[in-house]
C-alpha atoms as a PDB file:
ATOM      1  CA  MET A   1     -11.331 -23.264  33.078  1.00  0.00           C
ATOM      2  CA  CYS A   2      -8.496 -24.791  35.066  1.00  0.00           C
ATOM      3  CA  ALA A   3      -8.647 -26.540  38.454  1.00  0.00           C
ATOM      4  CA  TYR A   4      -8.128 -23.247  40.297  1.00  0.00           C
ATOM      5  CA  GLY A   5     -11.111 -21.592  38.648  1.00  0.00           C
ATOM      6  CA  ILE A   6      -9.043 -19.323  36.370  1.00  0.00           C
ATOM      7  CA  VAL A   7     -10.501 -18.860  32.920  1.00  0.00           C
ATOM      8  CA  PHE A   8      -8.092 -18.619  29.988  1.00  0.00           C
ATOM      9  CA  TYR A   9      -9.218 -16.504  27.021  1.00  0.00           C
ATOM     10  CA  MET A  10      -6.270 -17.153  24.725  1.00  0.00           C
ATOM     11  CA  ASP A  11      -8.404 -18.565  21.897  1.00  0.00           C
ATOM     12  CA  ALA A  12     -11.005 -15.850  22.243  1.00  0.00           C
ATOM     13  CA  THR A  13      -8.485 -13.037  21.886  1.00  0.00           C
ATOM     14  CA  LYS A  14      -7.306 -14.509  18.604  1.00  0.00           C
ATOM     15  CA  GLN A  15     -10.757 -13.685  17.169  1.00  0.00           C
ATOM     16  CA  LEU A  16     -10.820 -10.033  18.242  1.00  0.00           C
ATOM     17  CA  PRO A  17     -12.441  -7.666  15.717  1.00  0.00           C
ATOM     18  CA  GLU A  18     -10.239  -5.067  14.085  1.00  0.00           C
ATOM     19  CA  PRO A  19      -9.624  -2.122  16.455  1.00  0.00           C
ATOM     20  CA  LYS A  20     -11.679   1.057  16.361  1.00  0.00           C
ATOM     21  CA  THR A  21     -10.097   2.869  19.339  1.00  0.00           C
ATOM     22  CA  LEU A  22      -6.592   3.311  20.744  1.00  0.00           C
ATOM     23  CA  GLN A  23      -7.326   0.971  23.655  1.00  0.00           C
ATOM     24  CA  GLU A  24      -8.537  -1.739  21.288  1.00  0.00           C
ATOM     25  CA  ALA A  25      -5.521  -1.172  19.021  1.00  0.00           C
ATOM     26  CA  VAL A  26      -3.025  -1.639  21.867  1.00  0.00           C
ATOM     27  CA  VAL A  27      -4.713  -4.900  22.888  1.00  0.00           C
ATOM     28  CA  TYR A  28      -5.106  -6.109  19.309  1.00  0.00           C
ATOM     29  CA  PHE A  29      -1.526  -5.490  18.186  1.00  0.00           C
ATOM     30  CA  SER A  30       0.029  -6.711  21.438  1.00  0.00           C
ATOM     31  CA  ASP A  31      -0.261 -10.215  19.985  1.00  0.00           C
ATOM     32  CA  PRO A  32       2.676 -10.633  17.538  1.00  0.00           C
ATOM     33  CA  ASP A  33       0.740 -13.046  15.329  1.00  0.00           C
ATOM     34  CA  ARG A  34      -2.230 -10.706  14.982  1.00  0.00           C
ATOM     35  CA  ALA A  35       0.017  -7.725  14.228  1.00  0.00           C
ATOM     36  CA  PHE A  36       1.896  -9.780  11.651  1.00  0.00           C
ATOM     37  CA  GLU A  37      -1.264 -11.026   9.931  1.00  0.00           C
ATOM     38  CA  PHE A  38      -2.735  -7.508   9.883  1.00  0.00           C
ATOM     39  CA  ALA A  39       0.394  -6.085   8.221  1.00  0.00           C
ATOM     40  CA  LYS A  40       0.515  -9.013   5.813  1.00  0.00           C
ATOM     41  CA  LYS A  41      -3.100  -8.437   4.764  1.00  0.00           C
ATOM     42  CA  LEU A  42      -2.431  -4.748   4.142  1.00  0.00           C
ATOM     43  CA  ARG A  43       0.661  -5.453   2.050  1.00  0.00           C
ATOM     44  CA  TRP A  44      -0.664  -8.439   0.081  1.00  0.00           C
ATOM     45  CA  PRO A  45      -4.491  -8.159   0.092  1.00  0.00           C
ATOM     46  CA  ASP A  46      -4.894 -11.112  -2.299  1.00  0.00           C
ATOM     47  CA  GLY A  47      -2.798 -13.344  -0.041  1.00  0.00           C
ATOM     48  CA  ASN A  48      -0.131 -13.974  -2.700  1.00  0.00           C
ATOM     49  CA  VAL A  49       3.217 -13.109  -1.115  1.00  0.00           C
ATOM     50  CA  VAL A  50       5.866 -11.997  -3.610  1.00  0.00           C
ATOM     51  CA  CYS A  51       9.505 -11.176  -3.037  1.00  0.00           C
ATOM     52  CA  PRO A  52       9.918  -7.385  -2.654  1.00  0.00           C
ATOM     53  CA  ARG A  53      13.345  -7.571  -4.325  1.00  0.00           C
ATOM     54  CA  CYS A  54      12.788  -9.694  -7.438  1.00  0.00           C
ATOM     55  CA  GLU A  55       8.958  -9.956  -7.356  1.00  0.00           C
ATOM     56  CA  ALA A  56       9.094 -13.737  -7.657  1.00  0.00           C
ATOM     57  CA  ALA A  57       6.087 -15.581  -6.231  1.00  0.00           C
ATOM     58  CA  LYS A  58       7.875 -18.809  -5.327  1.00  0.00           C
ATOM     59  CA  ASN A  59       8.946 -18.733  -1.694  1.00  0.00           C
ATOM     60  CA  SER A  60       8.689 -20.603   1.568  1.00  0.00           C
ATOM     61  CA  PHE A  61       7.594 -19.215   4.932  1.00  0.00           C
ATOM     62  CA  VAL A  62       9.679 -19.767   8.067  1.00  0.00           C
ATOM     63  CA  LYS A  63       6.977 -19.579  10.732  1.00  0.00           C
ATOM     64  CA  THR A  64       9.287 -19.537  13.752  1.00  0.00           C
ATOM     65  CA  ARG A  65      11.048 -16.396  12.475  1.00  0.00           C
ATOM     66  CA  ARG A  66       8.153 -14.824  10.556  1.00  0.00           C
ATOM     67  CA  LEU A  67      10.130 -14.426   7.337  1.00  0.00           C
ATOM     68  CA  TRP A  68      10.174 -15.864   3.850  1.00  0.00           C
ATOM     69  CA  PHE A  69      12.906 -17.417   1.722  1.00  0.00           C
ATOM     70  CA  CYS A  70      12.773 -16.521  -1.979  1.00  0.00           C
ATOM     71  CA  TYR A  71      13.797 -19.380  -4.283  1.00  0.00           C
ATOM     72  CA  ALA A  72      14.524 -16.999  -7.169  1.00  0.00           C
ATOM     73  CA  CYS A  73      17.020 -14.594  -5.600  1.00  0.00           C
ATOM     74  CA  LYS A  74      18.008 -16.978  -2.763  1.00  0.00           C
ATOM     75  CA  ARG A  75      17.480 -14.300  -0.113  1.00  0.00           C
ATOM     76  CA  GLN A  76      15.321 -13.961   2.955  1.00  0.00           C
ATOM     77  CA  PHE A  77      12.820 -11.155   3.434  1.00  0.00           C
ATOM     78  CA  THR A  78      10.442 -10.007   6.150  1.00  0.00           C
ATOM     79  CA  ILE A  79       7.223  -8.024   6.144  1.00  0.00           C
ATOM     80  CA  LYS A  80       9.312  -4.853   6.655  1.00  0.00           C
ATOM     81  CA  VAL A  81      11.505  -5.091   3.557  1.00  0.00           C
ATOM     82  CA  LYS A  82      10.985  -2.199   1.125  1.00  0.00           C
ATOM     83  CA  THR A  83       8.861  -0.318   3.662  1.00  0.00           C
ATOM     84  CA  ILE A  84       9.525   2.623   5.962  1.00  0.00           C
ATOM     85  CA  MET A  85      10.170   0.092   8.770  1.00  0.00           C
ATOM     86  CA  GLU A  86      12.987  -1.721   6.975  1.00  0.00           C
ATOM     87  CA  ASP A  87      16.048  -2.511   9.136  1.00  0.00           C
ATOM     88  CA  SER A  88      14.176  -1.509  12.275  1.00  0.00           C
ATOM     89  CA  PRO A  89      14.528  -3.699  15.373  1.00  0.00           C
ATOM     90  CA  ILE A  90      11.265  -2.305  16.775  1.00  0.00           C
ATOM     91  CA  GLY A  91       8.394  -4.797  16.781  1.00  0.00           C
ATOM     92  CA  LEU A  92       5.202  -4.332  14.792  1.00  0.00           C
ATOM     93  CA  ASP A  93       3.211  -3.865  18.000  1.00  0.00           C
ATOM     94  CA  LYS A  94       5.098  -0.656  18.810  1.00  0.00           C
ATOM     95  CA  TRP A  95       5.238   0.520  15.219  1.00  0.00           C
ATOM     96  CA  MET A  96       1.488   0.195  14.763  1.00  0.00           C
ATOM     97  CA  THR A  97       0.790   1.997  18.029  1.00  0.00           C
ATOM     98  CA  ALA A  98       3.037   4.842  16.863  1.00  0.00           C
ATOM     99  CA  PHE A  99       1.213   5.009  13.523  1.00  0.00           C
ATOM    100  CA  TRP A 100      -2.159   5.073  15.297  1.00  0.00           C
ATOM    101  CA  LEU A 101      -1.146   7.821  17.712  1.00  0.00           C
ATOM    102  CA  LEU A 102       0.383  10.198  15.169  1.00  0.00           C
ATOM    103  CA  ALA A 103      -2.384   9.697  12.610  1.00  0.00           C
ATOM    104  CA  ASN A 104      -5.102  10.575  15.110  1.00  0.00           C
ATOM    105  CA  ALA A 105      -3.630  12.947  17.717  1.00  0.00           C
ATOM    106  CA  LYS A 106      -5.026  16.336  16.662  1.00  0.00           C
ATOM    107  CA  ASN A 107      -2.095  18.227  18.146  1.00  0.00           C
ATOM    108  CA  GLY A 108       0.515  15.546  17.424  1.00  0.00           C
ATOM    109  CA  ILE A 109       2.543  13.603  19.970  1.00  0.00           C
ATOM    110  CA  SER A 110       6.028  14.438  21.180  1.00  0.00           C
ATOM    111  CA  SER A 111       8.923  11.984  21.016  1.00  0.00           C
ATOM    112  CA  HIS A 112       9.250  12.120  24.810  1.00  0.00           C
ATOM    113  CA  GLU A 113       5.618  11.116  25.278  1.00  0.00           C
ATOM    114  CA  LEU A 114       5.789   8.381  22.649  1.00  0.00           C
ATOM    115  CA  GLY A 115       9.026   7.042  24.143  1.00  0.00           C
ATOM    116  CA  ARG A 116       7.410   6.721  27.575  1.00  0.00           C
ATOM    117  CA  ALA A 117       4.296   5.108  26.104  1.00  0.00           C
ATOM    118  CA  LEU A 118       6.217   2.504  24.072  1.00  0.00           C
ATOM    119  CA  GLY A 119       9.123   1.928  26.432  1.00  0.00           C
ATOM    120  CA  VAL A 120      11.807   3.129  24.000  1.00  0.00           C
ATOM    121  CA  THR A 121      14.330   5.957  24.184  1.00  0.00           C
ATOM    122  CA  GLN A 122      13.436   9.487  23.139  1.00  0.00           C
ATOM    123  CA  THR A 123      15.870   9.275  20.216  1.00  0.00           C
ATOM    124  CA  THR A 124      14.267   6.073  18.967  1.00  0.00           C
ATOM    125  CA  ALA A 125      10.786   7.559  19.333  1.00  0.00           C
ATOM    126  CA  TRP A 126      11.851  10.695  17.439  1.00  0.00           C
ATOM    127  CA  PHE A 127      13.248   8.611  14.585  1.00  0.00           C
ATOM    128  CA  MET A 128      10.049   6.536  14.483  1.00  0.00           C
ATOM    129  CA  LEU A 129       7.886   9.659  14.314  1.00  0.00           C
ATOM    130  CA  GLN A 130       9.963  11.136  11.495  1.00  0.00           C
ATOM    131  CA  ARG A 131       9.561   7.920   9.532  1.00  0.00           C
ATOM    132  CA  VAL A 132       5.805   7.969  10.071  1.00  0.00           C
ATOM    133  CA  ARG A 133       5.754  11.580   8.828  1.00  0.00           C
ATOM    134  CA  GLU A 134       7.656  10.448   5.740  1.00  0.00           C
ATOM    135  CA  VAL A 135       4.815   8.010   5.073  1.00  0.00           C
ATOM    136  CA  MET A 136       2.207  10.721   5.617  1.00  0.00           C
ATOM    137  CA  LYS A 137       3.849  12.904   2.986  1.00  0.00           C
ATOM    138  CA  LYS A 138       1.869  12.746  -0.200  1.00  0.00           C
ATOM    139  CA  HIS A 139       4.061  15.090  -2.222  1.00  0.00           C
ATOM    140  CA  SER A 140       1.938  18.095  -1.222  1.00  0.00           C
ATOM    141  CA  PHE A 141       2.919  20.018  -4.320  1.00  0.00           C
ATOM    142  CA  ASP A 142       2.965  17.238  -6.923  1.00  0.00           C
ATOM    143  CA  THR A 143       2.078  17.003 -10.615  1.00  0.00           C
ATOM    144  CA  SER A 144      -1.698  16.602 -10.183  1.00  0.00           C
ATOM    145  CA  LYS A 145      -3.661  19.835 -10.097  1.00  0.00           C
ATOM    146  CA  ILE A 146      -6.684  20.787  -8.035  1.00  0.00           C
ATOM    147  CA  GLY A 147      -9.545  23.142  -8.760  1.00  0.00           C
ATOM    148  CA  GLY A 148     -10.998  23.883 -12.181  1.00  0.00           C
ATOM    149  CA  GLU A 149     -13.993  25.841 -13.459  1.00  0.00           C
ATOM    150  CA  GLY A 150     -16.587  26.140 -10.718  1.00  0.00           C
ATOM    151  CA  SER A 151     -14.065  25.382  -7.967  1.00  0.00           C
ATOM    152  CA  THR A 152     -13.151  27.876  -5.267  1.00  0.00           C
ATOM    153  CA  LEU A 153      -9.734  27.916  -3.629  1.00  0.00           C
ATOM    154  CA  GLU A 154      -7.840  29.931  -1.050  1.00  0.00           C
ATOM    155  CA  ALA A 155      -4.109  30.678  -1.098  1.00  0.00           C
ATOM    156  CA  ASP A 156      -2.199  32.074   1.838  1.00  0.00           C
ATOM    157  CA  GLU A 157       1.155  31.921   3.583  1.00  0.00           C
ATOM    158  CA  THR A 158       2.293  32.034   7.187  1.00  0.00           C
ATOM    159  CA  PHE A 159       5.524  32.637   9.073  1.00  0.00           C
ATOM    160  CA  VAL A 160       6.767  30.063  11.576  1.00  0.00           C
ATOM    161  CA  GLY A 161       9.508  30.746  14.093  1.00  0.00           C
ATOM    162  CA  GLY A 162      10.414  31.996  17.538  1.00  0.00           C
ATOM    163  CA  VAL A 163       9.055  35.222  18.975  1.00  0.00           C
ATOM    164  CA  THR A 164      11.908  37.700  19.348  1.00  0.00           C
ATOM    165  CA  LYS A 165      10.732  39.017  22.720  1.00  0.00           C
ATOM    166  CA  ASN A 166      11.210  35.527  24.183  1.00  0.00           C
ATOM    167  CA  MET A 167      14.782  35.206  22.897  1.00  0.00           C
ATOM    168  CA  HIS A 168      18.014  35.774  24.791  1.00  0.00           C
ATOM    169  CA  LYS A 169      19.283  39.323  24.431  1.00  0.00           C
ATOM    170  CA  ALA A 170      22.120  38.374  22.071  1.00  0.00           C
ATOM    171  CA  SER A 171      19.847  36.179  19.918  1.00  0.00           C
ATOM    172  CA  ARG A 172      17.143  38.851  19.876  1.00  0.00           C
ATOM    173  CA  ALA A 173      19.575  41.504  18.706  1.00  0.00           C
ATOM    174  CA  LYS A 174      20.866  39.212  15.967  1.00  0.00           C
ATOM    175  CA  ALA A 175      17.347  38.336  14.788  1.00  0.00           C
ATOM    176  CA  GLU A 176      16.134  41.928  14.823  1.00  0.00           C
ATOM    177  CA  GLY A 177      19.270  43.020  12.977  1.00  0.00           C
ATOM    178  CA  ARG A 178      18.323  40.824  10.046  1.00  0.00           C
ATOM    179  CA  GLY A 179      14.976  42.575   9.699  1.00  0.00           C
ATOM    180  CA  PRO A 180      11.357  41.526  10.247  1.00  0.00           C
ATOM    181  CA  TYR A 181      10.527  37.887   9.496  1.00  0.00           C
ATOM    182  CA  LYS A 182      14.145  37.073   8.597  1.00  0.00           C
ATOM    183  CA  ASN A 183      14.267  34.600  11.481  1.00  0.00           C
ATOM    184  CA  LYS A 184      11.059  32.937  10.294  1.00  0.00           C
ATOM    185  CA  THR A 185      10.377  29.993   7.999  1.00  0.00           C
ATOM    186  CA  ILE A 186       7.658  30.560   5.397  1.00  0.00           C
ATOM    187  CA  VAL A 187       4.925  28.023   4.650  1.00  0.00           C
ATOM    188  CA  GLN A 188       2.521  28.444   1.717  1.00  0.00           C
ATOM    189  CA  GLY A 189      -0.825  26.702   1.532  1.00  0.00           C
ATOM    190  CA  ILE A 190      -3.668  26.222  -0.948  1.00  0.00           C
ATOM    191  CA  LEU A 191      -7.124  25.073   0.146  1.00  0.00           C
ATOM    192  CA  ASP A 192      -9.737  23.596  -2.194  1.00  0.00           C
ATOM    193  CA  ARG A 193     -13.043  24.579  -0.595  1.00  0.00           C
ATOM    194  CA  ASN A 194     -15.040  22.060  -2.643  1.00  0.00           C
ATOM    195  CA  LEU A 195     -12.857  19.070  -1.758  1.00  0.00           C
ATOM    196  CA  ARG A 196     -11.941  20.395   1.713  1.00  0.00           C
ATOM    197  CA  LYS A 197      -8.344  19.403   0.979  1.00  0.00           C
ATOM    198  CA  VAL A 198      -5.250  21.465   1.624  1.00  0.00           C
ATOM    199  CA  ARG A 199      -1.747  21.483   0.197  1.00  0.00           C
ATOM    200  CA  ALA A 200       1.087  23.137   2.063  1.00  0.00           C
ATOM    201  CA  THR A 201       4.842  23.319   1.753  1.00  0.00           C
ATOM    202  CA  VAL A 202       7.822  25.331   2.953  1.00  0.00           C
ATOM    203  CA  VAL A 203       8.909  28.054   0.510  1.00  0.00           C
ATOM    204  CA  PRO A 204      12.152  30.068   0.499  1.00  0.00           C
ATOM    205  CA  ASN A 205      10.566  33.534   0.228  1.00  0.00           C
ATOM    206  CA  VAL A 206       7.355  35.441  -0.492  1.00  0.00           C
ATOM    207  CA  THR A 207       8.288  36.913  -3.858  1.00  0.00           C
ATOM    208  CA  ARG A 208       5.753  37.053  -6.660  1.00  0.00           C
ATOM    209  CA  GLU A 209       7.662  34.456  -8.648  1.00  0.00           C
ATOM    210  CA  THR A 210       7.776  31.918  -5.798  1.00  0.00           C
ATOM    211  CA  LEU A 211       4.167  32.166  -4.637  1.00  0.00           C
ATOM    212  CA  GLN A 212       2.541  32.439  -8.070  1.00  0.00           C
ATOM    213  CA  ASN A 213       4.634  29.595  -9.506  1.00  0.00           C
ATOM    214  CA  ALA A 214       3.384  27.312  -6.725  1.00  0.00           C
ATOM    215  CA  ILE A 215      -0.205  28.234  -7.595  1.00  0.00           C
ATOM    216  CA  LEU A 216       0.387  27.721 -11.321  1.00  0.00           C
ATOM    217  CA  LYS A 217       1.828  24.238 -10.683  1.00  0.00           C
ATOM    218  CA  ASN A 218      -1.025  23.149  -8.445  1.00  0.00           C
ATOM    219  CA  VAL A 219      -4.204  24.886  -9.588  1.00  0.00           C
ATOM    220  CA  LYS A 220      -6.059  24.411 -12.861  1.00  0.00           C
ATOM    221  CA  PHE A 221      -6.659  27.451 -15.045  1.00  0.00           C
ATOM    222  CA  GLY A 222     -10.111  28.969 -14.676  1.00  0.00           C
ATOM    223  CA  SER A 223     -10.363  28.300 -10.940  1.00  0.00           C
ATOM    224  CA  THR A 224     -11.615  30.956  -8.553  1.00  0.00           C
ATOM    225  CA  ILE A 225      -8.859  31.887  -6.102  1.00  0.00           C
ATOM    226  CA  TYR A 226      -9.108  34.160  -3.089  1.00  0.00           C
ATOM    227  CA  THR A 227      -6.003  35.608  -1.447  1.00  0.00           C
ATOM    228  CA  ASP A 228      -5.149  38.497   0.830  1.00  0.00           C
ATOM    229  CA  ASN A 229      -3.810  41.726  -0.647  1.00  0.00           C
ATOM    230  CA  ALA A 230      -0.144  40.702  -0.494  1.00  0.00           C
ATOM    231  CA  VAL A 231       1.969  42.309  -3.217  1.00  0.00           C
ATOM    232  CA  ALA A 232       2.978  38.884  -4.542  1.00  0.00           C
ATOM    233  CA  TYR A 233      -0.590  38.276  -5.756  1.00  0.00           C
ATOM    234  CA  ASP A 234      -1.304  41.707  -7.272  1.00  0.00           C
ATOM    235  CA  ASN A 235      -0.153  41.086 -10.838  1.00  0.00           C
ATOM    236  CA  GLY A 236      -0.586  38.188 -13.285  1.00  0.00           C
ATOM    237  CA  MET A 237      -3.179  36.133 -11.393  1.00  0.00           C
ATOM    238  CA  GLN A 238      -6.150  37.563 -13.319  1.00  0.00           C
ATOM    239  CA  ARG A 239      -4.867  36.251 -16.656  1.00  0.00           C
ATOM    240  CA  ARG A 240      -5.290  32.602 -15.620  1.00  0.00           C
ATOM    241  CA  PHE A 241      -7.718  32.608 -12.697  1.00  0.00           C
ATOM    242  CA  ILE A 242     -10.781  34.379 -11.367  1.00  0.00           C
ATOM    243  CA  HIS A 243      -8.925  36.214  -8.636  1.00  0.00           C
ATOM    244  CA  ASP A 244     -10.204  38.377  -5.818  1.00  0.00           C
ATOM    245  CA  VAL A 245      -8.530  39.670  -2.666  1.00  0.00           C
ATOM    246  CA  VAL A 246      -9.502  40.592   0.865  1.00  0.00           C
ATOM    247  CA  ASN A 247      -7.741  43.428   2.667  1.00  0.00           C
ATOM    248  CA  LYS A 248      -7.227  42.153   6.211  1.00  0.00           C
ATOM    249  CA  THR A 249      -6.493  45.639   7.505  1.00  0.00           C
ATOM    250  CA  GLU A 250     -10.128  46.538   6.736  1.00  0.00           C
ATOM    251  CA  THR A 251     -12.050  43.257   7.040  1.00  0.00           C
ATOM    252  CA  TYR A 252     -11.417  39.522   7.185  1.00  0.00           C
ATOM    253  CA  VAL A 253     -14.537  38.518   5.247  1.00  0.00           C
ATOM    254  CA  ARG A 254     -16.216  40.137   2.246  1.00  0.00           C
ATOM    255  CA  GLY A 255     -19.011  37.828   1.243  1.00  0.00           C
ATOM    256  CA  GLN A 256     -17.352  34.664  -0.096  1.00  0.00           C
ATOM    257  CA  VAL A 257     -14.009  36.421  -0.429  1.00  0.00           C
ATOM    258  CA  HIS A 258     -11.825  35.369   2.506  1.00  0.00           C
ATOM    259  CA  VAL A 259      -8.970  33.041   3.434  1.00  0.00           C
ATOM    260  CA  ASN A 260     -10.406  31.872   6.753  1.00  0.00           C
ATOM    261  CA  GLY A 261     -10.147  28.230   5.686  1.00  0.00           C
ATOM    262  CA  MET A 262      -6.376  28.549   5.399  1.00  0.00           C
ATOM    263  CA  GLU A 263      -6.269  30.546   8.630  1.00  0.00           C
ATOM    264  CA  ASN A 264      -7.992  27.590  10.310  1.00  0.00           C
ATOM    265  CA  PHE A 265      -5.308  25.260   9.003  1.00  0.00           C
ATOM    266  CA  TRP A 266      -2.534  27.598  10.161  1.00  0.00           C
ATOM    267  CA  SER A 267      -4.033  27.677  13.669  1.00  0.00           C
ATOM    268  CA  LEU A 268      -4.016  23.859  13.807  1.00  0.00           C
ATOM    269  CA  LEU A 269      -0.431  23.730  12.571  1.00  0.00           C
ATOM    270  CA  LYS A 270       0.846  26.358  15.011  1.00  0.00           C
ATOM    271  CA  ARG A 271      -1.052  24.826  17.915  1.00  0.00           C
ATOM    272  CA  SER A 272       0.868  21.584  17.424  1.00  0.00           C
ATOM    273  CA  LEU A 273       4.196  23.398  16.929  1.00  0.00           C
ATOM    274  CA  ARG A 274       3.836  25.647  19.970  1.00  0.00           C
ATOM    275  CA  GLY A 275       2.051  23.281  22.317  1.00  0.00           C
ATOM    276  CA  THR A 276       3.482  19.849  21.477  1.00  0.00           C
ATOM    277  CA  TYR A 277       6.730  20.126  19.552  1.00  0.00           C
ATOM    278  CA  VAL A 278       7.841  23.507  20.987  1.00  0.00           C
ATOM    279  CA  ALA A 279      11.156  23.744  19.081  1.00  0.00           C
ATOM    280  CA  VAL A 280      11.286  22.564  15.456  1.00  0.00           C
ATOM    281  CA  GLU A 281      14.368  23.139  13.341  1.00  0.00           C
ATOM    282  CA  PRO A 282      13.612  24.899  10.024  1.00  0.00           C
ATOM    283  CA  PHE A 283      15.093  22.024   7.989  1.00  0.00           C
ATOM    284  CA  HIS A 284      12.624  19.592   9.628  1.00  0.00           C
ATOM    285  CA  LEU A 285       9.569  21.857   9.479  1.00  0.00           C
ATOM    286  CA  SER A 286       8.279  20.448   6.186  1.00  0.00           C
ATOM    287  CA  ARG A 287       7.771  17.047   7.855  1.00  0.00           C
ATOM    288  CA  TYR A 288       5.588  18.563  10.571  1.00  0.00           C
ATOM    289  CA  VAL A 289       3.609  20.408   7.900  1.00  0.00           C
ATOM    290  CA  ASP A 290       3.050  17.098   6.065  1.00  0.00           C
ATOM    291  CA  GLU A 291       1.818  15.546   9.307  1.00  0.00           C
ATOM    292  CA  GLN A 292      -0.824  18.253   9.811  1.00  0.00           C
ATOM    293  CA  VAL A 293      -1.823  18.132   6.123  1.00  0.00           C
ATOM    294  CA  PHE A 294      -2.455  14.393   6.413  1.00  0.00           C
ATOM    295  CA  ARG A 295      -4.752  14.727   9.420  1.00  0.00           C
ATOM    296  CA  TYR A 296      -6.591  17.711   7.907  1.00  0.00           C
ATOM    297  CA  ASN A 297      -7.194  15.946   4.586  1.00  0.00           C
ATOM    298  CA  HIS A 298      -8.412  12.730   6.198  1.00  0.00           C
ATOM    299  CA  ARG A 299     -11.259  14.080   8.281  1.00  0.00           C
ATOM    300  CA  LYS A 300     -13.857  13.175   5.654  1.00  0.00           C
ATOM    301  CA  GLU A 301     -14.067  11.146   2.469  1.00  0.00           C
ATOM    302  CA  GLY A 302     -16.883  12.769   0.533  1.00  0.00           C
ATOM    303  CA  ASP A 303     -19.809  12.906   2.947  1.00  0.00           C
ATOM    304  CA  ARG A 304     -18.491  10.095   5.125  1.00  0.00           C
ATOM    305  CA  LYS A 305     -16.689  11.083   8.300  1.00  0.00           C
ATOM    306  CA  LEU A 306     -13.460   9.146   8.759  1.00  0.00           C
ATOM    307  CA  ASN A 307     -12.680   7.576  12.119  1.00  0.00           C
ATOM    308  CA  ASP A 308      -9.386   6.732  13.807  1.00  0.00           C
ATOM    309  CA  ALA A 309      -9.262   3.259  12.255  1.00  0.00           C
ATOM    310  CA  ASP A 310      -9.724   4.712   8.748  1.00  0.00           C
ATOM    311  CA  ARG A 311      -6.822   7.125   9.183  1.00  0.00           C
ATOM    312  CA  PHE A 312      -4.657   4.366  10.631  1.00  0.00           C
ATOM    313  CA  LYS A 313      -5.318   2.031   7.698  1.00  0.00           C
ATOM    314  CA  THR A 314      -4.657   4.841   5.233  1.00  0.00           C
ATOM    315  CA  VAL A 315      -1.246   5.709   6.640  1.00  0.00           C
ATOM    316  CA  MET A 316      -0.314   2.022   7.046  1.00  0.00           C
ATOM    317  CA  SER A 317      -1.211   1.370   3.413  1.00  0.00           C
ATOM    318  CA  GLN A 318       1.391   3.960   2.338  1.00  0.00           C
ATOM    319  CA  VAL A 319       4.462   2.414   4.008  1.00  0.00           C
ATOM    320  CA  LEU A 320       5.461   0.448   0.910  1.00  0.00           C
ATOM    321  CA  GLY A 321       8.318   1.915  -1.105  1.00  0.00           C
ATOM    322  CA  ARG A 322       9.145   4.583   1.488  1.00  0.00           C
ATOM    323  CA  ARG A 323      12.613   4.769   3.036  1.00  0.00           C
ATOM    324  CA  LEU A 324      14.227   7.177   5.478  1.00  0.00           C
ATOM    325  CA  THR A 325      17.560   6.338   7.062  1.00  0.00           C
ATOM    326  CA  TYR A 326      19.015   8.020  10.126  1.00  0.00           C
ATOM    327  CA  SER A 327      21.880   9.458   8.075  1.00  0.00           C
ATOM    328  CA  ASP A 328      19.460  10.935   5.528  1.00  0.00           C
ATOM    329  CA  LEU A 329      17.424  12.468   8.322  1.00  0.00           C
ATOM    330  CA  THR A 330      20.245  13.939  10.382  1.00  0.00           C
ATOM    331  CA  GLY A 331      23.233  14.043   8.056  1.00  0.00           C
ATOM    332  CA  LYS A 332      25.096  11.815  10.516  1.00  0.00           C
ATOM    333  CA  SER A 333      26.401   8.273  10.110  1.00  0.00           C
ATOM    334  CA  GLU A 334      24.132   5.277  10.645  1.00  0.00           C
ATOM    335  CA  SER A 335      23.337   4.247  14.192  1.00  0.00           C
ATOM    336  CA  PRO A 336      26.271   2.299  15.706  1.00  0.00           C
ATOM    337  CA  HIS A 337      23.913   0.224  17.826  1.00  0.00           C
ATOM    338  CA  HIS A 338      22.466  -1.957  15.069  1.00  0.00           C
ATOM    339  CA  THR A 339      23.826  -3.540  11.927  1.00  0.00           C
ATOM    340  CA  PRO A 340      21.691  -4.596   8.916  1.00  0.00           C
ATOM    341  CA  THR A 341      21.071  -8.326   8.515  1.00  0.00           C
ATOM    342  CA  GLY A 342      19.744  -8.194   4.962  1.00  0.00           C
ATOM    343  CA  THR A 343      16.281  -9.489   5.881  1.00  0.00           C
ATOM    344  CA  GLY A 344      14.750  -6.125   6.689  1.00  0.00           C
ATOM    345  CA  GLN A 345      15.421  -6.573  10.400  1.00  0.00           C
ATOM    346  CA  THR A 346      18.507  -5.568  12.357  1.00  0.00           C
ATOM    347  CA  ALA A 347      20.649  -7.471  14.756  1.00  0.00           C
ATOM    348  CA  GLN A 348      22.158  -6.167  17.977  1.00  0.00           C
ATOM    349  CA  ALA A 349      25.785  -5.231  17.420  1.00  0.00           C
END
């Protein structure tokens, strides 16, 4: 306590426990040292810092600039090098708040809202969110397969796009002229009921070859799969899977035969697209699908319910080795406002 009776808690705040809520996270990561140490612990859990470029362990730490100098490759590196945050001038306090918000907001968060919350421009916030979505992507349709004998899965697809009755007359006529669903983007999903995990991705069409190939690549032979009575599923599925269908024109549920689990996921996805993001370009839709898949798949881990801190740590642990530049994202040249410095940070031009 000072002479004026004001108590200083600087030392006490240094010992804050790890955050469990958004309010605690904002306070916790507002201290640059705490944010830095948290990120350092996630990246190098054993405390042995190695160069991300040459993997040499011999380096020296420049405390005043929070970077290291590698004696092997004679280059500097920061905590952001070889992560999704590389070459970003945004501080860790804002990055970690963005990660927390997107990982835990059930309906997502718009770039306008994030920009106001962090004090950055809408364009910067949008780029940050797209990079976080890149981290959330876990290669939804990858080489590992789900299901197996005794496992029950659901497969379904949905159409995402504007409603023609809400379009301008000229746009409506053009869309209707192409035929039903031609102005829509198609998303296919597979839900493992036993694991309560979903995989979803954008597909070019709903032909038998496209939809069944996705199932063959992702589901083990012998699994039980329920679908609707779409023509794409009516031939060939029985040879590799225990397949049954539900005719939605008659009933949505026939005992255990239904696709209501996937319908639940589609409702969550469309709620975020219609209510939060409003207008998503088809070539960016896959990123928004990955975002919803991440939140859906990280509700529980076995019988343990995951909390906001668990989801935050999971997404933060996946930043390593991910990269998304502005030119890759938009097809435009790099931002003219910042130039790379070579340390993983950027300098004002």
